Protein backbone atom coordinates (compact mmCIF):
# COMPACT_ATOMS: atom_id res chain seq x y z
CA MET A 1 -11.95 -17.59 8.38
CA ALA A 2 -13.97 -14.64 7.09
CA LYS A 3 -12.79 -11.04 7.20
CA MET A 4 -14.30 -8.73 9.81
CA THR A 5 -16.98 -6.45 8.46
CA LYS A 6 -17.22 -2.77 9.34
CA SER A 7 -20.11 -3.45 11.74
CA GLN A 8 -18.15 -6.26 13.45
CA ILE A 9 -15.15 -3.94 13.90
CA ILE A 10 -17.38 -1.21 15.34
CA SER A 11 -19.06 -3.69 17.71
CA ALA A 12 -15.70 -5.08 18.89
CA LEU A 13 -14.26 -1.60 19.46
CA ALA A 14 -17.40 -0.45 21.28
CA GLU A 15 -17.29 -3.48 23.55
CA THR A 16 -13.55 -3.16 24.26
CA THR A 17 -13.54 0.60 24.88
CA GLU A 18 -16.96 0.73 26.57
CA LEU A 19 -18.01 3.50 24.16
CA SER A 20 -21.31 3.49 22.30
CA LYS A 21 -21.40 2.13 18.75
CA LYS A 22 -22.47 5.61 17.62
CA ASP A 23 -19.34 7.17 19.17
CA VAL A 24 -17.06 4.52 17.64
CA THR A 25 -18.69 4.97 14.22
CA ASN A 26 -18.23 8.74 14.44
CA LEU A 27 -14.60 8.32 15.52
CA MET A 28 -13.86 6.01 12.57
CA GLU A 29 -15.46 8.44 10.11
CA VAL A 30 -13.48 11.39 11.49
CA PHE A 31 -10.27 9.32 11.50
CA SER A 32 -10.66 8.25 7.86
CA THR A 33 -11.57 11.78 6.73
CA MET A 34 -8.50 13.13 8.55
CA ALA A 35 -6.31 10.48 6.89
CA TYR A 36 -7.58 11.40 3.40
CA LYS A 37 -7.01 15.14 3.99
CA GLU A 38 -3.50 14.59 5.37
CA VAL A 39 -2.44 12.33 2.48
CA LYS A 40 -3.79 14.85 -0.02
CA LYS A 41 -2.10 17.79 1.75
CA ASN A 42 1.20 16.34 3.04
CA GLY A 43 1.65 13.17 0.99
CA GLU A 44 1.43 10.75 3.91
CA PHE A 45 -0.56 9.83 7.02
CA VAL A 46 0.97 7.69 9.78
CA VAL A 47 -1.06 5.28 11.92
CA PRO A 48 1.40 4.54 14.75
CA GLY A 49 2.16 0.85 15.13
CA ILE A 50 0.22 -0.12 11.99
CA GLY A 51 1.68 1.73 9.00
CA LYS A 52 1.19 4.75 6.81
CA LEU A 53 -0.73 5.88 3.76
CA VAL A 54 1.64 7.37 1.18
CA LYS A 55 0.90 9.32 -2.00
CA ILE A 56 3.18 8.16 -4.85
CA ASN A 57 3.71 9.58 -8.35
CA ARG A 58 3.83 6.84 -10.99
CA LYS A 59 5.71 7.48 -14.22
CA ALA A 60 4.16 7.03 -17.65
CA ARG A 61 4.96 3.63 -19.10
CA THR A 62 4.22 1.27 -21.95
CA GLY A 63 2.01 -1.74 -21.31
CA ARG A 64 0.36 -4.48 -23.33
CA ASN A 65 -3.28 -5.18 -23.98
CA PRO A 66 -3.58 -8.83 -22.86
CA ALA A 67 -6.39 -9.56 -25.32
CA THR A 68 -4.66 -8.30 -28.47
CA GLY A 69 -0.99 -8.10 -27.47
CA GLU A 70 -0.99 -4.50 -28.70
CA SER A 71 1.31 -1.98 -26.96
CA ILE A 72 -0.50 0.82 -25.16
CA ASN A 73 0.70 3.94 -23.39
CA ILE A 74 -0.21 4.16 -19.72
CA PRO A 75 -0.19 7.80 -18.56
CA ALA A 76 1.54 9.06 -15.40
CA LYS A 77 -0.71 9.19 -12.37
CA VAL A 78 -0.78 9.65 -8.61
CA VAL A 79 -1.69 6.64 -6.45
CA VAL A 80 -2.06 6.00 -2.71
CA LYS A 81 -0.31 2.99 -1.16
CA PHE A 82 -0.26 1.59 2.36
CA ARG A 83 3.13 0.73 3.84
CA VAL A 84 2.95 -1.65 6.79
CA ALA A 85 4.99 -0.70 9.87
CA LYS A 86 7.85 -2.97 10.95
CA ALA A 87 6.18 -3.53 14.34
CA ALA A 88 2.98 -4.72 12.62
CA LYS A 89 4.92 -7.10 10.35
CA GLU A 90 6.74 -8.59 13.32
CA ALA A 91 3.54 -8.95 15.36
CA VAL A 92 1.72 -10.75 12.54
CA LEU A 93 4.50 -12.86 11.03
């Protein structure tokens, strides 16, 4: 089974909510922009019933170059992860 594309998601939401595709597209854009701003500002953004985006600080560490086996230093960095809500896990699994 293939994954849903953005246009399929927009079509399904428009049909279910009886909103226009233009309104659904605008809502999704505003929602994602809000999520990015909140994660950047507060470190997390919760989507009730689905999960949350969380900003995490990774420590510097030593890794290996798989081609040469040489040790390399990987610098510290900030990454964004998605943590799935317990309700979503239970609904899917």
